C-alpha atoms as a PDB file:
ATOM      1  CA  MET A   1      80.843 -49.020  78.546  1.00  0.00           C
ATOM      2  CA  GLN A   2      79.618 -49.239  82.083  1.00  0.00           C
ATOM      3  CA  PHE A   3      79.776 -46.180  84.425  1.00  0.00           C
ATOM      4  CA  GLY A   4      78.444 -47.664  87.637  1.00  0.00           C
ATOM      5  CA  ILE A   5      74.801 -46.419  87.280  1.00  0.00           C
ATOM      6  CA  PRO A   6      72.585 -48.399  84.977  1.00  0.00           C
ATOM      7  CA  ARG A   7      71.251 -46.240  82.112  1.00  0.00           C
ATOM      8  CA  ARG A   8      67.628 -46.864  83.093  1.00  0.00           C
ATOM      9  CA  GLU A   9      68.279 -45.594  86.660  1.00  0.00           C
ATOM     10  CA  LEU A  10      70.118 -42.546  85.351  1.00  0.00           C
ATOM     11  CA  LEU A  11      67.203 -41.616  83.072  1.00  0.00           C
ATOM     12  CA  LYS A  12      64.747 -41.891  86.000  1.00  0.00           C
ATOM     13  CA  THR A  13      66.696 -39.288  87.986  1.00  0.00           C
ATOM     14  CA  LEU A  14      66.843 -36.647  85.198  1.00  0.00           C
ATOM     15  CA  PRO A  15      63.221 -35.444  85.554  1.00  0.00           C
ATOM     16  CA  LEU A  16      63.712 -35.030  89.301  1.00  0.00           C
ATOM     17  CA  ALA A  17      66.869 -33.006  88.718  1.00  0.00           C
ATOM     18  CA  ALA A  18      65.005 -30.770  86.260  1.00  0.00           C
ATOM     19  CA  VAL A  19      62.198 -30.191  88.783  1.00  0.00           C
ATOM     20  CA  GLY A  20      64.746 -29.332  91.447  1.00  0.00           C
ATOM     21  CA  ALA A  21      66.474 -26.858  89.146  1.00  0.00           C
ATOM     22  CA  THR A  22      63.123 -25.296  88.191  1.00  0.00           C
ATOM     23  CA  VAL A  23      62.057 -24.917  91.814  1.00  0.00           C
ATOM     24  CA  ALA A  24      65.427 -23.447  92.725  1.00  0.00           C
ATOM     25  CA  GLY A  25      65.226 -21.090  89.727  1.00  0.00           C
ATOM     26  CA  LYS A  26      61.728 -19.899  90.676  1.00  0.00           C
ATOM     27  CA  ALA A  27      62.792 -19.240  94.243  1.00  0.00           C
ATOM     28  CA  ALA A  28      65.626 -17.052  93.006  1.00  0.00           C
ATOM     29  CA  VAL A  29      63.362 -15.191  90.559  1.00  0.00           C
ATOM     30  CA  SER A  30      60.695 -14.455  93.194  1.00  0.00           C
ATOM     31  CA  GLN A  31      63.292 -12.670  95.338  1.00  0.00           C
ATOM     32  CA  VAL A  32      64.274 -10.276  92.546  1.00  0.00           C
ATOM     33  CA  PRO A  33      62.610  -6.862  92.977  1.00  0.00           C
ATOM     34  CA  PRO A  34      60.218  -5.776  90.200  1.00  0.00           C
ATOM     35  CA  GLN A  35      62.014  -4.166  87.279  1.00  0.00           C
ATOM     36  CA  ILE A  36      61.746  -0.384  87.106  1.00  0.00           C
ATOM     37  CA  ARG A  37      60.496   0.612  83.682  1.00  0.00           C
ATOM     38  CA  SER A  38      61.421   4.029  82.483  1.00  0.00           C
ATOM     39  CA  THR A  39      58.231   5.583  81.101  1.00  0.00           C
ATOM     40  CA  LEU A  40      54.477   5.213  81.545  1.00  0.00           C
ATOM     41  CA  VAL A  41      51.821   7.179  79.703  1.00  0.00           C
ATOM     42  CA  VAL A  42      48.714   7.251  81.881  1.00  0.00           C
ATOM     43  CA  TYR A  43      45.646   9.194  80.855  1.00  0.00           C
ATOM     44  CA  PHE A  44      41.949   9.862  81.289  1.00  0.00           C
ATOM     45  CA  ALA A  45      39.892  10.635  78.197  1.00  0.00           C
ATOM     46  CA  ARG A  46      36.262  11.124  77.387  1.00  0.00           C
ATOM     47  CA  THR A  47      36.042  11.710  73.640  1.00  0.00           C
ATOM     48  CA  GLY A  48      39.381  10.585  72.255  1.00  0.00           C
ATOM     49  CA  ASN A  49      41.392  13.811  71.894  1.00  0.00           C
ATOM     50  CA  THR A  50      43.564  12.955  74.890  1.00  0.00           C
ATOM     51  CA  THR A  51      43.788   9.328  73.746  1.00  0.00           C
ATOM     52  CA  VAL A  52      45.320  10.359  70.418  1.00  0.00           C
ATOM     53  CA  ILE A  53      48.025  12.352  72.217  1.00  0.00           C
ATOM     54  CA  ALA A  54      48.643   9.527  74.723  1.00  0.00           C
ATOM     55  CA  LYS A  55      49.194   6.996  71.959  1.00  0.00           C
ATOM     56  CA  GLN A  56      51.514   9.330  70.078  1.00  0.00           C
ATOM     57  CA  ILE A  57      53.628   9.805  73.228  1.00  0.00           C
ATOM     58  CA  ARG A  58      53.660   6.025  73.809  1.00  0.00           C
ATOM     59  CA  ARG A  59      54.985   5.415  70.290  1.00  0.00           C
ATOM     60  CA  SER A  60      57.524   8.225  70.447  1.00  0.00           C
ATOM     61  CA  LYS A  61      58.912   7.300  73.871  1.00  0.00           C
ATOM     62  CA  ASN A  62      58.533   3.508  73.570  1.00  0.00           C
ATOM     63  CA  ALA A  63      56.510   3.742  76.774  1.00  0.00           C
ATOM     64  CA  ASP A  64      53.865   1.612  78.413  1.00  0.00           C
ATOM     65  CA  LEU A  65      50.276   2.872  78.268  1.00  0.00           C
ATOM     66  CA  ALA A  66      47.440   2.775  80.807  1.00  0.00           C
ATOM     67  CA  GLU A  67      44.024   4.392  80.781  1.00  0.00           C
ATOM     68  CA  ILE A  68      42.436   5.764  83.958  1.00  0.00           C
ATOM     69  CA  ILE A  69      38.840   4.512  83.983  1.00  0.00           C
ATOM     70  CA  PRO A  70      36.213   5.348  86.606  1.00  0.00           C
ATOM     71  CA  VAL A  71      34.228   2.403  88.013  1.00  0.00           C
ATOM     72  CA  ASP A  72      31.011   4.198  87.069  1.00  0.00           C
ATOM     73  CA  PRO A  73      31.361   5.652  83.574  1.00  0.00           C
ATOM     74  CA  TYR A  74      30.364   9.225  82.899  1.00  0.00           C
ATOM     75  CA  PRO A  75      27.249   9.809  80.784  1.00  0.00           C
ATOM     76  CA  GLU A  76      27.704   9.741  77.022  1.00  0.00           C
ATOM     77  CA  ASP A  77      25.830  13.033  76.740  1.00  0.00           C
ATOM     78  CA  TYR A  78      28.267  15.967  76.826  1.00  0.00           C
ATOM     79  CA  LYS A  79      26.043  18.301  78.854  1.00  0.00           C
ATOM     80  CA  GLU A  80      25.195  15.611  81.396  1.00  0.00           C
ATOM     81  CA  THR A  81      28.908  14.901  81.867  1.00  0.00           C
ATOM     82  CA  VAL A  82      29.665  18.607  82.338  1.00  0.00           C
ATOM     83  CA  SER A  83      26.913  18.855  84.957  1.00  0.00           C
ATOM     84  CA  GLN A  84      28.026  15.717  86.815  1.00  0.00           C
ATOM     85  CA  ALA A  85      31.689  16.779  86.805  1.00  0.00           C
ATOM     86  CA  SER A  86      30.729  20.191  88.167  1.00  0.00           C
ATOM     87  CA  ARG A  87      28.758  18.601  91.034  1.00  0.00           C
ATOM     88  CA  GLU A  88      31.626  16.210  91.828  1.00  0.00           C
ATOM     89  CA  THR A  89      34.220  18.996  91.829  1.00  0.00           C
ATOM     90  CA  GLU A  90      32.104  21.231  94.099  1.00  0.00           C
ATOM     91  CA  ALA A  91      31.518  18.340  96.524  1.00  0.00           C
ATOM     92  CA  GLY A  92      35.171  17.233  96.501  1.00  0.00           C
ATOM     93  CA  TYR A  93      34.032  13.798  95.362  1.00  0.00           C
ATOM     94  CA  LEU A  94      36.761  11.385  94.259  1.00  0.00           C
ATOM     95  CA  PRO A  95      35.220   8.704  92.046  1.00  0.00           C
ATOM     96  CA  PRO A  96      36.463   5.145  92.516  1.00  0.00           C
ATOM     97  CA  LEU A  97      38.690   3.924  89.697  1.00  0.00           C
ATOM     98  CA  LYS A  98      39.143   0.564  88.022  1.00  0.00           C
ATOM     99  CA  PRO A  99      42.586  -0.931  88.708  1.00  0.00           C
ATOM    100  CA  LEU A 100      45.213   0.088  86.176  1.00  0.00           C
ATOM    101  CA  THR A 101      46.714  -2.561  83.930  1.00  0.00           C
ATOM    102  CA  VAL A 102      50.186  -1.628  85.231  1.00  0.00           C
ATOM    103  CA  GLU A 103      51.817  -0.855  88.558  1.00  0.00           C
ATOM    104  CA  VAL A 104      52.612   2.894  88.677  1.00  0.00           C
ATOM    105  CA  ALA A 105      55.319   2.373  91.311  1.00  0.00           C
ATOM    106  CA  ARG A 106      57.437   0.522  88.728  1.00  0.00           C
ATOM    107  CA  TYR A 107      58.016   3.653  86.601  1.00  0.00           C
ATOM    108  CA  ASP A 108      60.282   6.626  87.119  1.00  0.00           C
ATOM    109  CA  THR A 109      58.743   8.894  84.452  1.00  0.00           C
ATOM    110  CA  LEU A 110      55.029   9.485  83.895  1.00  0.00           C
ATOM    111  CA  TYR A 111      53.228  11.335  81.145  1.00  0.00           C
ATOM    112  CA  LEU A 112      49.859  12.185  82.700  1.00  0.00           C
ATOM    113  CA  GLY A 113      47.087  13.297  80.370  1.00  0.00           C
ATOM    114  CA  PHE A 114      43.561  14.563  80.877  1.00  0.00           C
ATOM    115  CA  PRO A 115      40.981  17.053  79.603  1.00  0.00           C
ATOM    116  CA  ILE A 116      40.062  20.197  81.528  1.00  0.00           C
ATOM    117  CA  TRP A 117      36.592  19.964  83.025  1.00  0.00           C
ATOM    118  CA  GLY A 118      35.036  23.078  84.530  1.00  0.00           C
ATOM    119  CA  MET A 119      38.314  25.025  84.411  1.00  0.00           C
ATOM    120  CA  THR A 120      40.208  22.419  86.452  1.00  0.00           C
ATOM    121  CA  ALA A 121      41.498  18.845  86.537  1.00  0.00           C
ATOM    122  CA  PRO A 122      38.628  16.322  86.490  1.00  0.00           C
ATOM    123  CA  PRO A 123      37.665  14.519  89.713  1.00  0.00           C
ATOM    124  CA  VAL A 124      38.982  11.283  88.144  1.00  0.00           C
ATOM    125  CA  ILE A 125      42.492  12.766  87.995  1.00  0.00           C
ATOM    126  CA  ARG A 126      42.293  13.907  91.615  1.00  0.00           C
ATOM    127  CA  SER A 127      41.254  10.378  92.540  1.00  0.00           C
ATOM    128  CA  PHE A 128      44.209   8.919  90.598  1.00  0.00           C
ATOM    129  CA  LEU A 129      46.636  11.312  92.288  1.00  0.00           C
ATOM    130  CA  ARG A 130      45.251  10.535  95.733  1.00  0.00           C
ATOM    131  CA  SER A 131      45.595   6.787  95.220  1.00  0.00           C
ATOM    132  CA  ASN A 132      49.130   6.723  93.733  1.00  0.00           C
ATOM    133  CA  SER A 133      52.341   7.989  95.279  1.00  0.00           C
ATOM    134  CA  LEU A 134      54.287   9.846  92.606  1.00  0.00           C
ATOM    135  CA  ALA A 135      57.082  11.056  94.903  1.00  0.00           C
ATOM    136  CA  GLY A 136      60.464  10.959  93.184  1.00  0.00           C
ATOM    137  CA  LYS A 137      58.948  10.555  89.737  1.00  0.00           C
ATOM    138  CA  THR A 138      59.278  12.972  86.830  1.00  0.00           C
ATOM    139  CA  ILE A 139      55.828  14.041  85.640  1.00  0.00           C
ATOM    140  CA  TYR A 140      55.011  15.472  82.220  1.00  0.00           C
ATOM    141  CA  LEU A 141      51.442  16.738  81.824  1.00  0.00           C
ATOM    142  CA  PHE A 142      49.544  16.777  78.553  1.00  0.00           C
ATOM    143  CA  ILE A 143      46.218  18.521  78.792  1.00  0.00           C
ATOM    144  CA  THR A 144      43.386  19.125  76.356  1.00  0.00           C
ATOM    145  CA  HIS A 145      40.795  21.876  76.813  1.00  0.00           C
ATOM    146  CA  GLY A 146      37.803  23.321  75.041  1.00  0.00           C
ATOM    147  CA  GLY A 147      39.235  26.791  74.536  1.00  0.00           C
ATOM    148  CA  TYR A 148      39.144  28.142  78.063  1.00  0.00           C
ATOM    149  CA  GLY A 149      42.706  27.245  79.000  1.00  0.00           C
ATOM    150  CA  LEU A 150      44.129  25.330  81.941  1.00  0.00           C
ATOM    151  CA  GLY A 151      42.142  27.013  84.708  1.00  0.00           C
ATOM    152  CA  SER A 152      43.318  25.860  88.138  1.00  0.00           C
ATOM    153  CA  SER A 153      44.543  22.455  86.961  1.00  0.00           C
ATOM    154  CA  ILE A 154      48.263  23.156  87.448  1.00  0.00           C
ATOM    155  CA  GLU A 155      47.684  24.337  91.028  1.00  0.00           C
ATOM    156  CA  VAL A 156      45.587  21.218  91.699  1.00  0.00           C
ATOM    157  CA  LEU A 157      48.366  18.999  90.380  1.00  0.00           C
ATOM    158  CA  HIS A 158      51.025  20.786  92.434  1.00  0.00           C
ATOM    159  CA  SER A 159      48.939  20.260  95.571  1.00  0.00           C
ATOM    160  CA  HIS A 160      48.819  16.493  94.932  1.00  0.00           C
ATOM    161  CA  LEU A 161      52.347  15.895  93.664  1.00  0.00           C
ATOM    162  CA  ASP A 162      54.505  16.236  96.768  1.00  0.00           C
ATOM    163  CA  GLY A 163      58.012  15.066  96.003  1.00  0.00           C
ATOM    164  CA  ALA A 164      57.433  14.663  92.256  1.00  0.00           C
ATOM    165  CA  LYS A 165      59.372  16.620  89.655  1.00  0.00           C
ATOM    166  CA  MET A 166      56.683  18.250  87.535  1.00  0.00           C
ATOM    167  CA  GLN A 167      57.807  19.448  84.125  1.00  0.00           C
ATOM    168  CA  PRO A 168      56.125  22.224  82.096  1.00  0.00           C
ATOM    169  CA  ALA A 169      52.747  21.098  80.744  1.00  0.00           C
ATOM    170  CA  PHE A 170      51.802  20.653  77.120  1.00  0.00           C
ATOM    171  CA  SER A 171      48.268  21.887  76.463  1.00  0.00           C
ATOM    172  CA  MET A 172      46.167  21.920  73.360  1.00  0.00           C
ATOM    173  CA  GLU A 173      42.752  23.266  72.487  1.00  0.00           C
ATOM    174  CA  ALA A 174      40.572  20.353  71.420  1.00  0.00           C
ATOM    175  CA  ASP A 175      37.037  21.694  71.419  1.00  0.00           C
ATOM    176  CA  GLN A 176      35.559  19.702  68.549  1.00  0.00           C
ATOM    177  CA  GLU A 177      32.714  18.211  70.605  1.00  0.00           C
ATOM    178  CA  ARG A 178      31.551  21.554  72.001  1.00  0.00           C
ATOM    179  CA  ARG A 179      31.789  23.259  68.591  1.00  0.00           C
ATOM    180  CA  THR A 180      29.985  20.379  66.889  1.00  0.00           C
ATOM    181  CA  LEU A 181      27.147  20.527  69.418  1.00  0.00           C
ATOM    182  CA  GLU A 182      26.829  24.298  69.020  1.00  0.00           C
ATOM    183  CA  GLN A 183      26.814  24.084  65.223  1.00  0.00           C
ATOM    184  CA  VAL A 184      24.253  21.271  65.100  1.00  0.00           C
ATOM    185  CA  THR A 185      22.058  23.056  67.671  1.00  0.00           C
ATOM    186  CA  GLY A 186      22.239  26.232  65.572  1.00  0.00           C
ATOM    187  CA  TRP A 187      21.354  24.312  62.437  1.00  0.00           C
ATOM    188  CA  LEU A 188      18.426  22.567  64.163  1.00  0.00           C
ATOM    189  CA  GLY A 189      17.226  25.742  65.880  1.00  0.00           C
END
């Protein structure tokens, strides 16, 4: 049967039609706004206590996960880190952060986790809050501490979270590193 277009000519035009459809499809996709995901667990951790909680929340809430990482890592030595964090807090220093693996603006609910350093939120968390607008988002805090409580961390968060809906914080004593150091020092001494 003959349809007016030779088969060979028809076959030559099919790849061009597919390219046209692909280009048209990509143009339509690029105009679609980024999808809003429901939940992001974002956290800063030094020893792993906060990481364990973050991963449990991620599993439970089927959420995305992102770690807040300073450009210049803190010292591995506990006492050096405590000293550096104290100096940074007193100076109001906000350490630069590595880019997150996700775009915070795409989420409507955030679980924000961190350890208490020097009776307050670490400078890294202040830096994160300063560099991300959380207005209109629901924020759940999960905080670890070495036995001294939350200190001024809640007030610090309130001062940085204009327009966000902050929910009551979950906090947990996680002082294994400090206790381990004290016990080993006592044993050695």
